């Protein structure tokens, strides 16, 4: 009897140890690389209230609020869309009113930094995503796919809906 009981405890102990070790192994496999925050990169970004300006011209803007749910800043360095030959991260400068120069758009040096746990607003007359060399008009109600690329090479895709908007008519400072 005694040897049967010892064998049962031994088998149960080995089984429990195997489960414990397999649990540890799974946790270690799922754990992030200790040298890199698992929340880094574009994949932690969301776009709230995203939209594109309907346009029958050769360029249009994309707007909304980028939100970073991680504990690390994310630098967005590129953008693209299948509806455009070129995508750029833009800022609007100048146009302080009082009859001064008209506001101009230009590529934003260094990209956009979405702060850890924070937001980055993309709006007409301010920073925005620019779709250039449109392959065809962007019509109101049309879905417009957009891909953002972070400094670490990770990407995130969004789809925004185009809508009619009479603003966002800044000129492009193509010499920048």
C-alpha atoms as a PDB file:
ATOM      1  CA  UNK A   1       0.000   0.000   0.000  1.00  0.00           C
ATOM      2  CA  UNK A   2       2.671   2.342   1.001  1.00  0.00           C
ATOM      3  CA  UNK A   3       4.615   2.057  -2.235  1.00  0.00           C
ATOM      4  CA  UNK A   4       1.393   2.597  -4.247  1.00  0.00           C
ATOM      5  CA  UNK A   5       0.641   5.772  -2.290  1.00  0.00           C
ATOM      6  CA  UNK A   6       4.220   7.037  -2.737  1.00  0.00           C
ATOM      7  CA  UNK A   7       4.050   6.343  -6.456  1.00  0.00           C
ATOM      8  CA  UNK A   8       0.738   8.275  -6.717  1.00  0.00           C
ATOM      9  CA  UNK A   9       2.185  11.275  -4.883  1.00  0.00           C
ATOM     10  CA  UNK A  10       5.318  11.069  -7.015  1.00  0.00           C
ATOM     11  CA  UNK A  11       3.307  11.001 -10.255  1.00  0.00           C
ATOM     12  CA  UNK A  12       1.112  13.860  -9.033  1.00  0.00           C
ATOM     13  CA  UNK A  13       4.182  15.854  -8.008  1.00  0.00           C
ATOM     14  CA  UNK A  14       5.883  15.345 -11.377  1.00  0.00           C
ATOM     15  CA  UNK A  15       2.655  16.318 -13.175  1.00  0.00           C
ATOM     16  CA  UNK A  16       2.302  19.462 -11.058  1.00  0.00           C
ATOM     17  CA  UNK A  17       5.949  20.345 -11.694  1.00  0.00           C
ATOM     18  CA  UNK A  18       5.504  19.815 -15.436  1.00  0.00           C
ATOM     19  CA  UNK A  19       2.434  22.092 -15.434  1.00  0.00           C
ATOM     20  CA  UNK A  20       4.275  24.707 -13.416  1.00  0.00           C
ATOM     21  CA  UNK A  21       7.288  24.628 -15.738  1.00  0.00           C
ATOM     22  CA  UNK A  22       5.160  24.715 -18.876  1.00  0.00           C
ATOM     23  CA  UNK A  23       3.317  27.718 -17.434  1.00  0.00           C
ATOM     24  CA  UNK A  24       6.619  29.475 -16.782  1.00  0.00           C
ATOM     25  CA  UNK A  25       7.843  28.636 -20.263  1.00  0.00           C
ATOM     26  CA  UNK A  26       4.702  30.079 -21.839  1.00  0.00           C
ATOM     27  CA  UNK A  27       5.005  33.243 -19.776  1.00  0.00           C
ATOM     28  CA  UNK A  28       8.626  33.677 -20.773  1.00  0.00           C
ATOM     29  CA  UNK A  29       7.783  33.158 -24.442  1.00  0.00           C
ATOM     30  CA  UNK A  30       5.025  35.785 -24.290  1.00  0.00           C
ATOM     31  CA  UNK A  31       7.144  38.272 -22.354  1.00  0.00           C
ATOM     32  CA  UNK A  32       8.596  41.183 -24.294  1.00  0.00           C
ATOM     33  CA  UNK A  33      12.238  41.512 -25.163  1.00  0.00           C
ATOM     34  CA  UNK A  34      13.756  43.013 -21.985  1.00  0.00           C
ATOM     35  CA  UNK A  35      15.650  45.562 -24.088  1.00  0.00           C
ATOM     36  CA  UNK A  36      12.507  46.891 -25.738  1.00  0.00           C
ATOM     37  CA  UNK A  37       9.170  48.092 -24.405  1.00  0.00           C
ATOM     38  CA  UNK A  38       6.462  45.856 -25.889  1.00  0.00           C
ATOM     39  CA  UNK A  39       4.227  48.890 -26.329  1.00  0.00           C
ATOM     40  CA  UNK A  40       6.638  50.758 -28.631  1.00  0.00           C
ATOM     41  CA  UNK A  41       5.625  51.355 -32.207  1.00  0.00           C
ATOM     42  CA  UNK A  42       2.730  52.342 -34.372  1.00  0.00           C
ATOM     43  CA  UNK A  43       0.630  49.330 -33.378  1.00  0.00           C
ATOM     44  CA  UNK A  44      -0.299  51.046 -30.084  1.00  0.00           C
ATOM     45  CA  UNK A  45      -1.805  54.038 -31.872  1.00  0.00           C
ATOM     46  CA  UNK A  46      -5.494  54.565 -32.499  1.00  0.00           C
ATOM     47  CA  UNK A  47      -7.157  57.285 -34.557  1.00  0.00           C
ATOM     48  CA  UNK A  48     -10.258  58.881 -33.054  1.00  0.00           C
ATOM     49  CA  UNK A  49     -12.729  60.763 -35.236  1.00  0.00           C
ATOM     50  CA  UNK A  50     -10.588  60.243 -38.340  1.00  0.00           C
ATOM     51  CA  UNK A  51     -11.711  61.678 -41.677  1.00  0.00           C
ATOM     52  CA  UNK A  52     -10.355  62.790 -45.047  1.00  0.00           C
ATOM     53  CA  UNK A  53     -11.326  65.858 -47.016  1.00  0.00           C
ATOM     54  CA  UNK A  54     -13.187  64.930 -50.210  1.00  0.00           C
ATOM     55  CA  UNK A  55     -11.215  66.279 -53.170  1.00  0.00           C
ATOM     56  CA  UNK A  56     -11.279  66.222 -56.948  1.00  0.00           C
ATOM     57  CA  UNK A  57      -7.819  67.800 -57.028  1.00  0.00           C
ATOM     58  CA  UNK A  58      -4.409  66.175 -56.807  1.00  0.00           C
ATOM     59  CA  UNK A  59      -4.095  66.213 -52.990  1.00  0.00           C
ATOM     60  CA  UNK A  60      -6.125  66.046 -49.790  1.00  0.00           C
ATOM     61  CA  UNK A  61      -5.667  65.909 -46.031  1.00  0.00           C
ATOM     62  CA  UNK A  62      -6.496  63.356 -43.330  1.00  0.00           C
ATOM     63  CA  UNK A  63      -7.447  64.533 -39.849  1.00  0.00           C
ATOM     64  CA  UNK A  64      -8.394  63.157 -36.419  1.00  0.00           C
ATOM     65  CA  UNK A  65      -6.729  62.528 -33.076  1.00  0.00           C
ATOM     66  CA  UNK A  66      -3.920  59.987 -32.732  1.00  0.00           C
ATOM     67  CA  UNK A  67      -3.976  58.349 -29.297  1.00  0.00           C
ATOM     68  CA  UNK A  68      -1.037  56.472 -27.786  1.00  0.00           C
ATOM     69  CA  UNK A  69      -2.137  53.909 -25.182  1.00  0.00           C
ATOM     70  CA  UNK A  70       1.407  52.903 -24.247  1.00  0.00           C
ATOM     71  CA  UNK A  71       3.905  54.160 -21.688  1.00  0.00           C
ATOM     72  CA  UNK A  72       6.424  55.202 -24.370  1.00  0.00           C
ATOM     73  CA  UNK A  73       6.372  58.043 -26.902  1.00  0.00           C
ATOM     74  CA  UNK A  74       5.759  56.959 -30.500  1.00  0.00           C
ATOM     75  CA  UNK A  75       7.328  58.908 -33.358  1.00  0.00           C
ATOM     76  CA  UNK A  76       5.351  58.598 -36.605  1.00  0.00           C
ATOM     77  CA  UNK A  77       7.760  59.110 -39.512  1.00  0.00           C
ATOM     78  CA  UNK A  78       5.847  58.052 -42.643  1.00  0.00           C
ATOM     79  CA  UNK A  79       2.363  57.631 -44.018  1.00  0.00           C
ATOM     80  CA  UNK A  80       0.942  56.102 -47.161  1.00  0.00           C
ATOM     81  CA  UNK A  81      -2.352  55.254 -48.810  1.00  0.00           C
ATOM     82  CA  UNK A  82      -3.264  53.299 -51.939  1.00  0.00           C
ATOM     83  CA  UNK A  83      -5.290  56.316 -53.180  1.00  0.00           C
ATOM     84  CA  UNK A  84      -2.153  58.500 -53.364  1.00  0.00           C
ATOM     85  CA  UNK A  85       1.202  58.316 -55.073  1.00  0.00           C
ATOM     86  CA  UNK A  86       2.810  60.092 -52.122  1.00  0.00           C
ATOM     87  CA  UNK A  87       1.931  60.529 -48.470  1.00  0.00           C
ATOM     88  CA  UNK A  88       3.546  63.088 -46.181  1.00  0.00           C
ATOM     89  CA  UNK A  89       3.292  64.244 -42.582  1.00  0.00           C
ATOM     90  CA  UNK A  90       2.497  67.957 -42.779  1.00  0.00           C
ATOM     91  CA  UNK A  91       2.474  71.058 -40.637  1.00  0.00           C
ATOM     92  CA  UNK A  92       0.887  74.403 -41.472  1.00  0.00           C
ATOM     93  CA  UNK A  93       2.960  77.540 -40.894  1.00  0.00           C
ATOM     94  CA  UNK A  94       2.417  81.264 -41.315  1.00  0.00           C
ATOM     95  CA  UNK A  95      -0.893  83.037 -41.833  1.00  0.00           C
ATOM     96  CA  UNK A  96      -1.064  84.819 -38.501  1.00  0.00           C
ATOM     97  CA  UNK A  97      -3.871  87.042 -39.790  1.00  0.00           C
ATOM     98  CA  UNK A  98      -3.866  90.798 -40.233  1.00  0.00           C
ATOM     99  CA  UNK A  99      -3.357  90.545 -43.979  1.00  0.00           C
ATOM    100  CA  UNK A 100      -0.066  88.703 -43.587  1.00  0.00           C
ATOM    101  CA  UNK A 101       1.104  85.804 -45.707  1.00  0.00           C
ATOM    102  CA  UNK A 102      -1.316  83.004 -46.448  1.00  0.00           C
ATOM    103  CA  UNK A 103      -0.763  79.814 -44.402  1.00  0.00           C
ATOM    104  CA  UNK A 104       1.473  77.261 -46.087  1.00  0.00           C
ATOM    105  CA  UNK A 105       1.738  73.521 -45.659  1.00  0.00           C
ATOM    106  CA  UNK A 106       5.073  71.771 -45.602  1.00  0.00           C
ATOM    107  CA  UNK A 107       6.486  68.395 -44.642  1.00  0.00           C
ATOM    108  CA  UNK A 108       7.059  68.132 -40.891  1.00  0.00           C
ATOM    109  CA  UNK A 109      10.747  67.524 -40.177  1.00  0.00           C
ATOM    110  CA  UNK A 110      11.218  64.538 -37.859  1.00  0.00           C
ATOM    111  CA  UNK A 111       7.582  63.420 -37.984  1.00  0.00           C
ATOM    112  CA  UNK A 112       4.947  63.546 -35.246  1.00  0.00           C
ATOM    113  CA  UNK A 113       5.638  62.462 -31.664  1.00  0.00           C
ATOM    114  CA  UNK A 114       2.538  61.041 -29.998  1.00  0.00           C
ATOM    115  CA  UNK A 115       3.311  61.256 -26.272  1.00  0.00           C
ATOM    116  CA  UNK A 116       3.065  58.241 -23.965  1.00  0.00           C
ATOM    117  CA  UNK A 117      -0.515  57.945 -22.756  1.00  0.00           C
ATOM    118  CA  UNK A 118      -1.398  61.060 -24.738  1.00  0.00           C
ATOM    119  CA  UNK A 119      -2.826  62.421 -27.959  1.00  0.00           C
ATOM    120  CA  UNK A 120      -1.666  64.230 -31.073  1.00  0.00           C
ATOM    121  CA  UNK A 121      -4.292  66.284 -32.907  1.00  0.00           C
ATOM    122  CA  UNK A 122      -4.354  66.317 -36.705  1.00  0.00           C
ATOM    123  CA  UNK A 123      -6.570  69.183 -37.895  1.00  0.00           C
ATOM    124  CA  UNK A 124      -7.235  71.525 -40.790  1.00  0.00           C
ATOM    125  CA  UNK A 125      -4.887  74.490 -40.495  1.00  0.00           C
ATOM    126  CA  UNK A 126      -2.511  72.496 -38.277  1.00  0.00           C
ATOM    127  CA  UNK A 127      -0.568  69.267 -38.422  1.00  0.00           C
ATOM    128  CA  UNK A 128      -2.178  66.648 -40.664  1.00  0.00           C
ATOM    129  CA  UNK A 129      -1.577  63.716 -42.977  1.00  0.00           C
ATOM    130  CA  UNK A 130      -1.269  64.727 -46.637  1.00  0.00           C
ATOM    131  CA  UNK A 131      -2.224  62.503 -49.553  1.00  0.00           C
ATOM    132  CA  UNK A 132      -0.585  63.773 -52.758  1.00  0.00           C
ATOM    133  CA  UNK A 133      -0.704  62.694 -56.391  1.00  0.00           C
ATOM    134  CA  UNK A 134      -4.186  61.213 -55.956  1.00  0.00           C
ATOM    135  CA  UNK A 135      -4.870  58.420 -58.434  1.00  0.00           C
ATOM    136  CA  UNK A 136      -8.527  59.541 -58.687  1.00  0.00           C
ATOM    137  CA  UNK A 137     -10.884  61.931 -56.887  1.00  0.00           C
ATOM    138  CA  UNK A 138     -11.645  61.187 -53.241  1.00  0.00           C
ATOM    139  CA  UNK A 139     -15.439  61.348 -52.991  1.00  0.00           C
ATOM    140  CA  UNK A 140     -17.547  62.166 -49.937  1.00  0.00           C
ATOM    141  CA  UNK A 141     -18.519  58.912 -48.236  1.00  0.00           C
ATOM    142  CA  UNK A 142     -15.560  56.999 -49.701  1.00  0.00           C
ATOM    143  CA  UNK A 143     -13.418  54.838 -47.382  1.00  0.00           C
ATOM    144  CA  UNK A 144      -9.769  55.922 -47.475  1.00  0.00           C
ATOM    145  CA  UNK A 145      -7.160  53.485 -46.121  1.00  0.00           C
ATOM    146  CA  UNK A 146      -4.098  55.020 -44.450  1.00  0.00           C
ATOM    147  CA  UNK A 147      -0.942  53.340 -43.127  1.00  0.00           C
ATOM    148  CA  UNK A 148       1.294  55.032 -40.567  1.00  0.00           C
ATOM    149  CA  UNK A 149       4.885  53.926 -39.968  1.00  0.00           C
ATOM    150  CA  UNK A 150       6.682  54.530 -36.677  1.00  0.00           C
ATOM    151  CA  UNK A 151      10.374  55.220 -36.219  1.00  0.00           C
ATOM    152  CA  UNK A 152      10.918  51.572 -35.197  1.00  0.00           C
ATOM    153  CA  UNK A 153       9.470  50.363 -38.532  1.00  0.00           C
ATOM    154  CA  UNK A 154       6.166  49.112 -37.136  1.00  0.00           C
ATOM    155  CA  UNK A 155       2.976  50.060 -38.960  1.00  0.00           C
ATOM    156  CA  UNK A 156      -0.689  50.529 -38.210  1.00  0.00           C
ATOM    157  CA  UNK A 157      -3.558  50.814 -40.681  1.00  0.00           C
ATOM    158  CA  UNK A 158      -6.662  52.970 -40.407  1.00  0.00           C
ATOM    159  CA  UNK A 159      -9.632  53.545 -42.648  1.00  0.00           C
ATOM    160  CA  UNK A 160     -11.220  56.990 -42.610  1.00  0.00           C
ATOM    161  CA  UNK A 161     -14.299  58.261 -44.421  1.00  0.00           C
ATOM    162  CA  UNK A 162     -14.036  61.201 -46.793  1.00  0.00           C
ATOM    163  CA  UNK A 163     -16.389  64.113 -46.230  1.00  0.00           C
ATOM    164  CA  UNK A 164     -17.074  67.462 -47.844  1.00  0.00           C
ATOM    165  CA  UNK A 165     -15.218  70.311 -46.179  1.00  0.00           C
ATOM    166  CA  UNK A 166     -14.667  73.811 -47.546  1.00  0.00           C
ATOM    167  CA  UNK A 167     -11.659  74.627 -45.344  1.00  0.00           C
ATOM    168  CA  UNK A 168      -8.099  73.308 -45.375  1.00  0.00           C
ATOM    169  CA  UNK A 169      -7.170  75.315 -48.459  1.00  0.00           C
ATOM    170  CA  UNK A 170      -3.636  76.266 -47.466  1.00  0.00           C
ATOM    171  CA  UNK A 171      -1.073  76.411 -50.233  1.00  0.00           C
ATOM    172  CA  UNK A 172       1.716  73.861 -50.395  1.00  0.00           C
ATOM    173  CA  UNK A 173       5.272  74.984 -49.767  1.00  0.00           C
ATOM    174  CA  UNK A 174       6.767  72.435 -52.154  1.00  0.00           C
ATOM    175  CA  UNK A 175      10.246  73.930 -51.833  1.00  0.00           C
ATOM    176  CA  UNK A 176      10.614  72.554 -48.312  1.00  0.00           C
END
